[in-house]
């Protein structure tokens, strides 16, 4: 997935920045104030990367699945559920909801025959 590779690149860049700042501090090229500023910048960058990762891996899929379940509750059974092929919790939820969708479709077919 794209978001995982972007997050990995961001974390790799932050690790390289951290190593550079630590090396410069050991050599004495930056003082305490510079070290603190660099550490703060790396911490902010790490928080942004972690937030981005959480958004991409949890919040966005949960929102998409929630919207689709709302559609299903409203009777819209013609679209597949997202993430049904996933092996994670989102996949388990989607597969469980697929059972309900299939039952709703079967019920609608029986009602149209009657």
PDB file of N, CA and C in Angstrom:
ATOM      1  N   UNK A   1       0.838  -1.184   0.000  1.00  0.00           N
ATOM      2  CA  UNK A   1       0.000   0.000   0.000  1.00  0.00           C
ATOM      3  C   UNK A   1       0.882   1.247   0.000  1.00  0.00           C
ATOM      4  N   UNK A   2       0.375   2.283  -0.598  1.00  0.00           N
ATOM      5  CA  UNK A   2       1.152   3.507  -0.746  1.00  0.00           C
ATOM      6  C   UNK A   2       1.426   4.150   0.603  1.00  0.00           C
ATOM      7  N   UNK A   3       0.416   4.257   1.458  1.00  0.00           N
ATOM      8  CA  UNK A   3       0.604   4.988   2.705  1.00  0.00           C
ATOM      9  C   UNK A   3       1.630   4.327   3.612  1.00  0.00           C
ATOM     10  N   UNK A   4       1.775   3.005   3.552  1.00  0.00           N
ATOM     11  CA  UNK A   4       2.769   2.337   4.387  1.00  0.00           C
ATOM     12  C   UNK A   4       4.182   2.657   3.904  1.00  0.00           C
ATOM     13  N   UNK A   5       4.370   2.721   2.571  1.00  0.00           N
ATOM     14  CA  UNK A   5       5.699   3.017   2.063  1.00  0.00           C
ATOM     15  C   UNK A   5       6.072   4.471   2.337  1.00  0.00           C
ATOM     16  N   UNK A   6       5.103   5.370   2.262  1.00  0.00           N
ATOM     17  CA  UNK A   6       5.377   6.774   2.572  1.00  0.00           C
ATOM     18  C   UNK A   6       5.748   6.915   4.043  1.00  0.00           C
ATOM     19  N   UNK A   7       5.013   6.237   4.901  1.00  0.00           N
ATOM     20  CA  UNK A   7       5.309   6.302   6.329  1.00  0.00           C
ATOM     21  C   UNK A   7       6.683   5.722   6.614  1.00  0.00           C
ATOM     22  N   UNK A   8       7.020   4.617   5.963  1.00  0.00           N
ATOM     23  CA  UNK A   8       8.338   4.014   6.165  1.00  0.00           C
ATOM     24  C   UNK A   8       9.444   4.972   5.732  1.00  0.00           C
ATOM     25  N   UNK A   9       9.236   5.680   4.624  1.00  0.00           N
ATOM     26  CA  UNK A   9      10.233   6.647   4.162  1.00  0.00           C
ATOM     27  C   UNK A   9      10.358   7.808   5.142  1.00  0.00           C
ATOM     28  N   UNK A  10       9.219   8.278   5.660  1.00  0.00           N
ATOM     29  CA  UNK A  10       9.264   9.364   6.643  1.00  0.00           C
ATOM     30  C   UNK A  10      10.001   8.933   7.906  1.00  0.00           C
ATOM     31  N   UNK A  11       9.704   7.740   8.383  1.00  0.00           N
ATOM     32  CA  UNK A  11      10.376   7.258   9.588  1.00  0.00           C
ATOM     33  C   UNK A  11      11.869   7.050   9.346  1.00  0.00           C
ATOM     34  N   UNK A  12      12.218   6.583   8.159  1.00  0.00           N
ATOM     35  CA  UNK A  12      13.631   6.423   7.821  1.00  0.00           C
ATOM     36  C   UNK A  12      14.360   7.759   7.778  1.00  0.00           C
ATOM     37  N   UNK A  13      13.712   8.764   7.209  1.00  0.00           N
ATOM     38  CA  UNK A  13      14.309  10.100   7.158  1.00  0.00           C
ATOM     39  C   UNK A  13      14.466  10.677   8.558  1.00  0.00           C
ATOM     40  N   UNK A  14      13.469  10.442   9.422  1.00  0.00           N
ATOM     41  CA  UNK A  14      13.564  10.945  10.798  1.00  0.00           C
ATOM     42  C   UNK A  14      14.681  10.240  11.557  1.00  0.00           C
ATOM     43  N   UNK A  15      14.863   8.952  11.308  1.00  0.00           N
ATOM     44  CA  UNK A  15      15.950   8.223  11.963  1.00  0.00           C
ATOM     45  C   UNK A  15      17.296   8.776  11.513  1.00  0.00           C
ATOM     46  N   UNK A  16      17.418   9.094  10.232  1.00  0.00           N
ATOM     47  CA  UNK A  16      18.659   9.672   9.723  1.00  0.00           C
ATOM     48  C   UNK A  16      18.897  11.055  10.327  1.00  0.00           C
ATOM     49  N   UNK A  17      17.829  11.866  10.439  1.00  0.00           N
ATOM     50  CA  UNK A  17      17.977  13.191  11.059  1.00  0.00           C
ATOM     51  C   UNK A  17      18.385  13.062  12.519  1.00  0.00           C
ATOM     52  N   UNK A  18      17.794  12.108  13.208  1.00  0.00           N
ATOM     53  CA  UNK A  18      18.127  11.901  14.612  1.00  0.00           C
ATOM     54  C   UNK A  18      19.592  11.519  14.756  1.00  0.00           C
ATOM     55  N   UNK A  19      20.062  10.611  13.928  1.00  0.00           N
ATOM     56  CA  UNK A  19      21.462  10.194  13.980  1.00  0.00           C
ATOM     57  C   UNK A  19      22.390  11.361  13.677  1.00  0.00           C
ATOM     58  N   UNK A  20      22.027  12.192  12.707  1.00  0.00           N
ATOM     59  CA  UNK A  20      22.841  13.359  12.362  1.00  0.00           C
ATOM     60  C   UNK A  20      22.910  14.344  13.525  1.00  0.00           C
ATOM     61  N   UNK A  21      21.760  14.617  14.146  1.00  0.00           N
ATOM     62  CA  UNK A  21      21.734  15.553  15.268  1.00  0.00           C
ATOM     63  C   UNK A  21      22.555  15.008  16.435  1.00  0.00           C
ATOM     64  N   UNK A  22      22.413  13.746  16.727  1.00  0.00           N
ATOM     65  CA  UNK A  22      23.187  13.153  17.817  1.00  0.00           C
ATOM     66  C   UNK A  22      24.688  13.184  17.514  1.00  0.00           C
ATOM     67  N   UNK A  23      25.049  12.902  16.277  1.00  0.00           N
ATOM     68  CA  UNK A  23      26.463  12.942  15.902  1.00  0.00           C
ATOM     69  C   UNK A  23      27.020  14.353  16.018  1.00  0.00           C
ATOM     70  N   UNK A  24      26.241  15.336  15.589  1.00  0.00           N
ATOM     71  CA  UNK A  24      26.691  16.720  15.687  1.00  0.00           C
ATOM     72  C   UNK A  24      26.810  17.152  17.147  1.00  0.00           C
ATOM     73  N   UNK A  25      25.918  16.669  17.983  1.00  0.00           N
ATOM     74  CA  UNK A  25      25.982  17.024  19.397  1.00  0.00           C
ATOM     75  C   UNK A  25      27.211  16.409  20.047  1.00  0.00           C
ATOM     76  N   UNK A  26      27.520  15.183  19.662  1.00  0.00           N
ATOM     77  CA  UNK A  26      28.690  14.508  20.234  1.00  0.00           C
ATOM     78  C   UNK A  26      29.968  15.204  19.795  1.00  0.00           C
ATOM     79  N   UNK A  27      30.045  15.605  18.554  1.00  0.00           N
ATOM     80  CA  UNK A  27      31.233  16.275  18.026  1.00  0.00           C
ATOM     81  C   UNK A  27      31.348  17.687  18.585  1.00  0.00           C
ATOM     82  N   UNK A  28      30.255  18.249  19.014  1.00  0.00           N
ATOM     83  CA  UNK A  28      30.279  19.584  19.586  1.00  0.00           C
ATOM     84  C   UNK A  28      29.959  20.682  18.603  1.00  0.00           C
ATOM     85  N   UNK A  29      29.407  20.326  17.447  1.00  0.00           N
ATOM     86  CA  UNK A  29      29.089  21.325  16.430  1.00  0.00           C
ATOM     87  C   UNK A  29      27.843  22.118  16.768  1.00  0.00           C
ATOM     88  N   UNK A  30      26.957  21.567  17.558  1.00  0.00           N
ATOM     89  CA  UNK A  30      25.778  22.321  17.973  1.00  0.00           C
ATOM     90  C   UNK A  30      25.748  22.367  19.491  1.00  0.00           C
ATOM     91  N   UNK A  31      25.271  23.461  20.008  1.00  0.00           N
ATOM     92  CA  UNK A  31      25.176  23.627  21.455  1.00  0.00           C
ATOM     93  C   UNK A  31      23.885  23.034  21.988  1.00  0.00           C
ATOM     94  N   UNK A  32      23.661  23.269  23.273  1.00  0.00           N
ATOM     95  CA  UNK A  32      22.466  22.733  23.915  1.00  0.00           C
ATOM     96  C   UNK A  32      21.185  23.267  23.297  1.00  0.00           C
ATOM     97  N   UNK A  33      21.155  24.568  22.974  1.00  0.00           N
ATOM     98  CA  UNK A  33      19.949  25.155  22.388  1.00  0.00           C
ATOM     99  C   UNK A  33      19.674  24.556  21.008  1.00  0.00           C
ATOM    100  N   UNK A  34      20.701  24.387  20.214  1.00  0.00           N
ATOM    101  CA  UNK A  34      20.536  23.786  18.887  1.00  0.00           C
ATOM    102  C   UNK A  34      20.096  22.343  18.979  1.00  0.00           C
ATOM    103  N   UNK A  35      20.654  21.625  19.936  1.00  0.00           N
ATOM    104  CA  UNK A  35      20.265  20.237  20.148  1.00  0.00           C
ATOM    105  C   UNK A  35      18.795  20.138  20.557  1.00  0.00           C
ATOM    106  N   UNK A  36      18.371  21.034  21.436  1.00  0.00           N
ATOM    107  CA  UNK A  36      16.974  21.026  21.878  1.00  0.00           C
ATOM    108  C   UNK A  36      16.033  21.373  20.728  1.00  0.00           C
ATOM    109  N   UNK A  37      16.417  22.331  19.910  1.00  0.00           N
ATOM    110  CA  UNK A  37      15.583  22.714  18.771  1.00  0.00           C
ATOM    111  C   UNK A  37      15.488  21.573  17.766  1.00  0.00           C
ATOM    112  N   UNK A  38      16.609  20.923  17.507  1.00  0.00           N
ATOM    113  CA  UNK A  38      16.602  19.804  16.567  1.00  0.00           C
ATOM    114  C   UNK A  38      15.778  18.640  17.117  1.00  0.00           C
ATOM    115  N   UNK A  39      15.899  18.378  18.390  1.00  0.00           N
ATOM    116  CA  UNK A  39      15.127  17.311  19.021  1.00  0.00           C
ATOM    117  C   UNK A  39      13.635  17.619  18.957  1.00  0.00           C
ATOM    118  N   UNK A  40      13.267  18.871  19.183  1.00  0.00           N
ATOM    119  CA  UNK A  40      11.861  19.266  19.091  1.00  0.00           C
ATOM    120  C   UNK A  40      11.344  19.098  17.671  1.00  0.00           C
ATOM    121  N   UNK A  41      12.139  19.469  16.686  1.00  0.00           N
ATOM    122  CA  UNK A  41      11.717  19.326  15.291  1.00  0.00           C
ATOM    123  C   UNK A  41      11.526  17.863  14.917  1.00  0.00           C
ATOM    124  N   UNK A  42      12.436  17.019  15.376  1.00  0.00           N
ATOM    125  CA  UNK A  42      12.317  15.586  15.092  1.00  0.00           C
ATOM    126  C   UNK A  42      11.089  15.004  15.783  1.00  0.00           C
ATOM    127  N   UNK A  43      10.813  15.450  16.995  1.00  0.00           N
ATOM    128  CA  UNK A  43       9.636  14.970  17.724  1.00  0.00           C
ATOM    129  C   UNK A  43       8.353  15.373  17.007  1.00  0.00           C
ATOM    130  N   UNK A  44       8.291  16.602  16.534  1.00  0.00           N
ATOM    131  CA  UNK A  44       7.111  17.065  15.791  1.00  0.00           C
ATOM    132  C   UNK A  44       6.956  16.254  14.502  1.00  0.00           C
ATOM    133  N   UNK A  45       8.055  16.041  13.798  1.00  0.00           N
ATOM    134  CA  UNK A  45       7.996  15.261  12.558  1.00  0.00           C
ATOM    135  C   UNK A  45       7.536  13.830  12.841  1.00  0.00           C
ATOM    136  N   UNK A  46       8.006  13.248  13.946  1.00  0.00           N
ATOM    137  CA  UNK A  46       7.580  11.894  14.311  1.00  0.00           C
ATOM    138  C   UNK A  46       6.086  11.863  14.630  1.00  0.00           C
ATOM    139  N   UNK A  47       5.606  12.865  15.338  1.00  0.00           N
ATOM    140  CA  UNK A  47       4.173  12.928  15.667  1.00  0.00           C
ATOM    141  C   UNK A  47       3.330  13.044  14.407  1.00  0.00           C
ATOM    142  N   UNK A  48       3.790  13.836  13.453  1.00  0.00           N
ATOM    143  CA  UNK A  48       3.068  13.985  12.181  1.00  0.00           C
ATOM    144  C   UNK A  48       3.053  12.659  11.427  1.00  0.00           C
ATOM    145  N   UNK A  49       4.192  11.980  11.380  1.00  0.00           N
ATOM    146  CA  UNK A  49       4.266  10.697  10.676  1.00  0.00           C
ATOM    147  C   UNK A  49       3.376   9.650  11.335  1.00  0.00           C
ATOM    148  N   UNK A  50       3.374   9.601  12.643  1.00  0.00           N
ATOM    149  CA  UNK A  50       2.532   8.638  13.356  1.00  0.00           C
ATOM    150  C   UNK A  50       1.056   8.965  13.135  1.00  0.00           C
ATOM    151  N   UNK A  51       0.710  10.238  13.186  1.00  0.00           N
ATOM    152  CA  UNK A  51      -0.672  10.639  12.919  1.00  0.00           C
ATOM    153  C   UNK A  51      -1.110  10.273  11.517  1.00  0.00           C
ATOM    154  N   UNK A  52      -0.239  10.482  10.542  1.00  0.00           N
ATOM    155  CA  UNK A  52      -0.542  10.131   9.159  1.00  0.00           C
ATOM    156  C   UNK A  52      -0.746   8.630   9.020  1.00  0.00           C
ATOM    157  N   UNK A  53       0.131   7.858   9.647  1.00  0.00           N
ATOM    158  CA  UNK A  53       0.006   6.405   9.599  1.00  0.00           C
ATOM    159  C   UNK A  53      -1.311   5.948  10.225  1.00  0.00           C
ATOM    160  N   UNK A  54      -1.661   6.495  11.382  1.00  0.00           N
ATOM    161  CA  UNK A  54      -2.910   6.114  12.038  1.00  0.00           C
ATOM    162  C   UNK A  54      -4.120   6.508  11.197  1.00  0.00           C
ATOM    163  N   UNK A  55      -4.065   7.669  10.585  1.00  0.00           N
ATOM    164  CA  UNK A  55      -5.166   8.100   9.722  1.00  0.00           C
ATOM    165  C   UNK A  55      -5.335   7.121   8.561  1.00  0.00           C
ATOM    166  N   UNK A  56      -4.238   6.791   7.911  1.00  0.00           N
ATOM    167  CA  UNK A  56      -4.307   5.927   6.734  1.00  0.00           C
ATOM    168  C   UNK A  56      -4.671   4.491   7.077  1.00  0.00           C
ATOM    169  N   UNK A  57      -4.218   4.002   8.209  1.00  0.00           N
ATOM    170  CA  UNK A  57      -4.436   2.595   8.517  1.00  0.00           C
ATOM    171  C   UNK A  57      -5.653   2.329   9.383  1.00  0.00           C
ATOM    172  N   UNK A  58      -6.203   3.349  10.048  1.00  0.00           N
ATOM    173  CA  UNK A  58      -7.345   3.121  10.931  1.00  0.00           C
ATOM    174  C   UNK A  58      -8.511   4.045  10.587  1.00  0.00           C
ATOM    175  N   UNK A  59      -8.308   5.333  10.655  1.00  0.00           N
ATOM    176  CA  UNK A  59      -9.423   6.280  10.536  1.00  0.00           C
ATOM    177  C   UNK A  59     -10.072   6.252   9.154  1.00  0.00           C
ATOM    178  N   UNK A  60      -9.284   6.265   8.109  1.00  0.00           N
ATOM    179  CA  UNK A  60      -9.855   6.289   6.757  1.00  0.00           C
ATOM    180  C   UNK A  60     -10.611   4.992   6.439  1.00  0.00           C
ATOM    181  N   UNK A  61     -10.014   3.803   6.688  1.00  0.00           N
ATOM    182  CA  UNK A  61     -10.785   2.577   6.433  1.00  0.00           C
ATOM    183  C   UNK A  61     -12.038   2.466   7.296  1.00  0.00           C
ATOM    184  N   UNK A  62     -11.947   2.890   8.548  1.00  0.00           N
ATOM    185  CA  UNK A  62     -13.111   2.822   9.428  1.00  0.00           C
ATOM    186  C   UNK A  62     -14.226   3.733   8.923  1.00  0.00           C
ATOM    187  N   UNK A  63     -13.873   4.917   8.474  1.00  0.00           N
ATOM    188  CA  UNK A  63     -14.847   5.847   7.934  1.00  0.00           C
ATOM    189  C   UNK A  63     -15.505   5.295   6.669  1.00  0.00           C
ATOM    190  N   UNK A  64     -14.704   4.725   5.799  1.00  0.00           N
ATOM    191  CA  UNK A  64     -15.239   4.174   4.549  1.00  0.00           C
ATOM    192  C   UNK A  64     -16.177   2.998   4.829  1.00  0.00           C
ATOM    193  N   UNK A  65     -15.763   2.111   5.720  1.00  0.00           N
ATOM    194  CA  UNK A  65     -16.596   0.968   6.069  1.00  0.00           C
ATOM    195  C   UNK A  65     -17.877   1.417   6.764  1.00  0.00           C
ATOM    196  N   UNK A  66     -17.778   2.417   7.609  1.00  0.00           N
ATOM    197  CA  UNK A  66     -18.949   2.950   8.306  1.00  0.00           C
ATOM    198  C   UNK A  66     -19.968   3.530   7.315  1.00  0.00           C
ATOM    199  N   UNK A  67     -19.488   4.293   6.328  1.00  0.00           N
ATOM    200  CA  UNK A  67     -20.394   4.852   5.314  1.00  0.00           C
ATOM    201  C   UNK A  67     -21.099   3.749   4.533  1.00  0.00           C
ATOM    202  N   UNK A  68     -20.355   2.706   4.197  1.00  0.00           N
ATOM    203  CA  UNK A  68     -20.937   1.602   3.445  1.00  0.00           C
ATOM    204  C   UNK A  68     -21.964   0.849   4.287  1.00  0.00           C
ATOM    205  N   UNK A  69     -21.697   0.678   5.589  1.00  0.00           N
ATOM    206  CA  UNK A  69     -22.664   0.024   6.477  1.00  0.00           C
ATOM    207  C   UNK A  69     -23.922   0.872   6.633  1.00  0.00           C
ATOM    208  N   UNK A  70     -23.760   2.186   6.660  1.00  0.00           N
ATOM    209  CA  UNK A  70     -24.932   3.080   6.682  1.00  0.00           C
ATOM    210  C   UNK A  70     -25.772   2.899   5.420  1.00  0.00           C
ATOM    211  N   UNK A  71     -25.100   2.793   4.275  1.00  0.00           N
ATOM    212  CA  UNK A  71     -25.811   2.544   3.017  1.00  0.00           C
ATOM    213  C   UNK A  71     -26.559   1.215   3.077  1.00  0.00           C
ATOM    214  N   UNK A  72     -25.905   0.210   3.633  1.00  0.00           N
ATOM    215  CA  UNK A  72     -26.519  -1.103   3.756  1.00  0.00           C
ATOM    216  C   UNK A  72     -27.746  -1.043   4.667  1.00  0.00           C
ATOM    217  N   UNK A  73     -27.645  -0.320   5.754  1.00  0.00           N
ATOM    218  CA  UNK A  73     -28.782  -0.163   6.662  1.00  0.00           C
ATOM    219  C   UNK A  73     -29.934   0.566   5.979  1.00  0.00           C
ATOM    220  N   UNK A  74     -29.610   1.405   5.024  1.00  0.00           N
ATOM    221  CA  UNK A  74     -30.632   2.121   4.266  1.00  0.00           C
ATOM    222  C   UNK A  74     -31.225   1.304   3.127  1.00  0.00           C
ATOM    223  N   UNK A  75     -30.780   0.061   2.979  1.00  0.00           N
ATOM    224  CA  UNK A  75     -31.337  -0.813   1.952  1.00  0.00           C
ATOM    225  C   UNK A  75     -30.552  -0.877   0.668  1.00  0.00           C
ATOM    226  N   UNK A  76     -29.432  -0.216   0.588  1.00  0.00           N
ATOM    227  CA  UNK A  76     -28.620  -0.219  -0.633  1.00  0.00           C
ATOM    228  C   UNK A  76     -27.695  -1.441  -0.604  1.00  0.00           C
ATOM    229  N   UNK A  77     -28.130  -2.524  -1.252  1.00  0.00           N
ATOM    230  CA  UNK A  77     -27.397  -3.790  -1.168  1.00  0.00           C
ATOM    231  C   UNK A  77     -26.635  -4.136  -2.438  1.00  0.00           C
ATOM    232  N   UNK A  78     -26.614  -3.253  -3.414  1.00  0.00           N
ATOM    233  CA  UNK A  78     -26.008  -3.576  -4.706  1.00  0.00           C
ATOM    234  C   UNK A  78     -24.494  -3.396  -4.761  1.00  0.00           C
ATOM    235  N   UNK A  79     -23.902  -2.720  -3.805  1.00  0.00           N
ATOM    236  CA  UNK A  79     -22.459  -2.478  -3.839  1.00  0.00           C
ATOM    237  C   UNK A  79     -21.740  -3.420  -2.893  1.00  0.00           C
ATOM    238  N   UNK A  80     -20.529  -3.857  -3.274  1.00  0.00           N
ATOM    239  CA  UNK A  80     -19.763  -4.729  -2.369  1.00  0.00           C
ATOM    240  C   UNK A  80     -19.237  -3.941  -1.170  1.00  0.00           C
ATOM    241  N   UNK A  81     -18.937  -4.662  -0.130  1.00  0.00           N
ATOM    242  CA  UNK A  81     -18.381  -4.022   1.063  1.00  0.00           C
ATOM    243  C   UNK A  81     -16.872  -3.894   0.915  1.00  0.00           C
ATOM    244  N   UNK A  82     -16.313  -2.740   1.242  1.00  0.00           N
ATOM    245  CA  UNK A  82     -14.864  -2.577   1.126  1.00  0.00           C
ATOM    246  C   UNK A  82     -14.136  -3.394   2.189  1.00  0.00           C
ATOM    247  N   UNK A  83     -12.917  -3.783   1.884  1.00  0.00           N
ATOM    248  CA  UNK A  83     -12.005  -4.469   2.808  1.00  0.00           C
ATOM    249  C   UNK A  83     -12.415  -5.901   3.123  1.00  0.00           C
ATOM    250  N   UNK A  84     -13.376  -6.480   2.391  1.00  0.00           N
ATOM    251  CA  UNK A  84     -13.804  -7.852   2.681  1.00  0.00           C
ATOM    252  C   UNK A  84     -12.675  -8.855   2.458  1.00  0.00           C
ATOM    253  N   UNK A  85     -11.740  -8.538   1.599  1.00  0.00           N
ATOM    254  CA  UNK A  85     -10.628  -9.448   1.314  1.00  0.00           C
ATOM    255  C   UNK A  85      -9.479  -9.312   2.310  1.00  0.00           C
ATOM    256  N   UNK A  86      -9.521  -8.282   3.150  1.00  0.00           N
ATOM    257  CA  UNK A  86      -8.441  -8.066   4.113  1.00  0.00           C
ATOM    258  C   UNK A  86      -8.454  -9.141   5.198  1.00  0.00           C
ATOM    259  N   UNK A  87      -7.292  -9.428   5.732  1.00  0.00           N
ATOM    260  CA  UNK A  87      -7.184 -10.405   6.815  1.00  0.00           C
ATOM    261  C   UNK A  87      -7.210  -9.771   8.188  1.00  0.00           C
ATOM    262  N   UNK A  88      -7.497  -8.484   8.260  1.00  0.00           N
ATOM    263  CA  UNK A  88      -7.501  -7.784   9.544  1.00  0.00           C
ATOM    264  C   UNK A  88      -8.917  -7.634  10.073  1.00  0.00           C
ATOM    265  N   UNK A  89      -9.062  -6.817  11.100  1.00  0.00           N
ATOM    266  CA  UNK A  89     -10.371  -6.606  11.724  1.00  0.00           C
ATOM    267  C   UNK A  89     -11.370  -5.986  10.756  1.00  0.00           C
ATOM    268  N   UNK A  90     -10.899  -5.092   9.890  1.00  0.00           N
ATOM    269  CA  UNK A  90     -11.796  -4.476   8.913  1.00  0.00           C
ATOM    270  C   UNK A  90     -12.347  -5.540   7.965  1.00  0.00           C
ATOM    271  N   UNK A  91     -11.527  -6.489   7.583  1.00  0.00           N
ATOM    272  CA  UNK A  91     -11.977  -7.582   6.729  1.00  0.00           C
ATOM    273  C   UNK A  91     -13.001  -8.461   7.422  1.00  0.00           C
ATOM    274  N   UNK A  92     -12.772  -8.740   8.702  1.00  0.00           N
ATOM    275  CA  UNK A  92     -13.734  -9.565   9.451  1.00  0.00           C
ATOM    276  C   UNK A  92     -15.083  -8.858   9.569  1.00  0.00           C
ATOM    277  N   UNK A  93     -15.055  -7.564   9.835  1.00  0.00           N
ATOM    278  CA  UNK A  93     -16.301  -6.796   9.932  1.00  0.00           C
ATOM    279  C   UNK A  93     -17.013  -6.777   8.582  1.00  0.00           C
ATOM    280  N   UNK A  94     -16.266  -6.556   7.518  1.00  0.00           N
ATOM    281  CA  UNK A  94     -16.861  -6.492   6.179  1.00  0.00           C
ATOM    282  C   UNK A  94     -17.453  -7.839   5.787  1.00  0.00           C
ATOM    283  N   UNK A  95     -16.751  -8.935   6.098  1.00  0.00           N
ATOM    284  CA  UNK A  95     -17.293 -10.254   5.762  1.00  0.00           C
ATOM    285  C   UNK A  95     -18.550 -10.556   6.574  1.00  0.00           C
ATOM    286  N   UNK A  96     -18.578 -10.151   7.829  1.00  0.00           N
ATOM    287  CA  UNK A  96     -19.785 -10.351   8.641  1.00  0.00           C
ATOM    288  C   UNK A  96     -20.940  -9.541   8.081  1.00  0.00           C
ATOM    289  N   UNK A  97     -20.670  -8.319   7.676  1.00  0.00           N
ATOM    290  CA  UNK A  97     -21.727  -7.483   7.101  1.00  0.00           C
ATOM    291  C   UNK A  97     -22.184  -8.033   5.753  1.00  0.00           C
ATOM    292  N   UNK A  98     -21.295  -8.719   5.039  1.00  0.00           N
ATOM    293  CA  UNK A  98     -21.671  -9.325   3.756  1.00  0.00           C
ATOM    294  C   UNK A  98     -22.747 -10.385   3.953  1.00  0.00           C
ATOM    295  N   UNK A  99     -22.703 -11.086   5.088  1.00  0.00           N
ATOM    296  CA  UNK A  99     -23.728 -12.080   5.388  1.00  0.00           C
ATOM    297  C   UNK A  99     -25.085 -11.390   5.489  1.00  0.00           C
ATOM    298  N   UNK A 100     -25.127 -10.260   6.173  1.00  0.00           N
ATOM    299  CA  UNK A 100     -26.377  -9.500   6.283  1.00  0.00           C
ATOM    300  C   UNK A 100     -26.824  -8.968   4.928  1.00  0.00           C
ATOM    301  N   UNK A 101     -25.864  -8.478   4.138  1.00  0.00           N
ATOM    302  CA  UNK A 101     -26.203  -7.966   2.805  1.00  0.00           C
ATOM    303  C   UNK A 101     -26.791  -9.076   1.944  1.00  0.00           C
ATOM    304  N   UNK A 102     -26.168 -10.257   1.981  1.00  0.00           N
ATOM    305  CA  UNK A 102     -26.672 -11.378   1.192  1.00  0.00           C
ATOM    306  C   UNK A 102     -28.073 -11.784   1.651  1.00  0.00           C
ATOM    307  N   UNK A 103     -28.311 -11.774   2.960  1.00  0.00           N
ATOM    308  CA  UNK A 103     -29.638 -12.107   3.482  1.00  0.00           C
ATOM    309  C   UNK A 103     -30.660 -11.065   3.035  1.00  0.00           C
ATOM    310  N   UNK A 104     -30.256  -9.806   3.037  1.00  0.00           N
ATOM    311  CA  UNK A 104     -31.172  -8.750   2.583  1.00  0.00           C
ATOM    312  C   UNK A 104     -31.497  -8.924   1.101  1.00  0.00           C
ATOM    313  N   UNK A 105     -30.491  -9.283   0.302  1.00  0.00           N
ATOM    314  CA  UNK A 105     -30.723  -9.504  -1.123  1.00  0.00           C
ATOM    315  C   UNK A 105     -31.637 -10.707  -1.339  1.00  0.00           C
ATOM    316  N   UNK A 106     -31.422 -11.767  -0.556  1.00  0.00           N
ATOM    317  CA  UNK A 106     -32.278 -12.945  -0.667  1.00  0.00           C
ATOM    318  C   UNK A 106     -33.715 -12.646  -0.278  1.00  0.00           C
ATOM    319  N   UNK A 107     -33.864 -11.867   0.760  1.00  0.00           N
ATOM    320  CA  UNK A 107     -35.210 -11.485   1.198  1.00  0.00           C
ATOM    321  C   UNK A 107     -35.907 -10.638   0.129  1.00  0.00           C
ATOM    322  N   UNK A 108     -35.175  -9.719  -0.448  1.00  0.00           N
ATOM    323  CA  UNK A 108     -35.749  -8.872  -1.507  1.00  0.00           C
ATOM    324  C   UNK A 108     -36.164  -9.713  -2.705  1.00  0.00           C
ATOM    325  N   UNK A 109     -35.359 -10.732  -3.041  1.00  0.00           N
ATOM    326  CA  UNK A 109     -35.706 -11.603  -4.168  1.00  0.00           C
ATOM    327  C   UNK A 109     -36.971 -12.400  -3.874  1.00  0.00           C
ATOM    328  N   UNK A 110     -37.102 -12.898  -2.636  1.00  0.00           N
ATOM    329  CA  UNK A 110     -38.295 -13.639  -2.261  1.00  0.00           C
ATOM    330  C   UNK A 110     -39.539 -12.748  -2.270  1.00  0.00           C
ATOM    331  N   UNK A 111     -39.383 -11.512  -1.808  1.00  0.00           N
ATOM    332  CA  UNK A 111     -40.511 -10.588  -1.789  1.00  0.00           C
ATOM    333  C   UNK A 111     -40.947 -10.204  -3.205  1.00  0.00           C
ATOM    334  N   UNK A 112     -39.994 -10.118  -4.126  1.00  0.00           N
ATOM    335  CA  UNK A 112     -40.351  -9.754  -5.500  1.00  0.00           C
ATOM    336  C   UNK A 112     -41.038 -10.911  -6.215  1.00  0.00           C
ATOM    337  N   UNK A 113     -40.740 -12.154  -5.800  1.00  0.00           N
ATOM    338  CA  UNK A 113     -41.403 -13.320  -6.399  1.00  0.00           C
ATOM    339  C   UNK A 113     -42.841 -13.454  -5.899  1.00  0.00           C
ATOM    340  N   UNK A 114     -43.098 -12.995  -4.693  1.00  0.00           N
ATOM    341  CA  UNK A 114     -44.427 -13.171  -4.105  1.00  0.00           C
ATOM    342  C   UNK A 114     -45.441 -12.191  -4.608  1.00  0.00           C
TER     343      UNK A 114
END
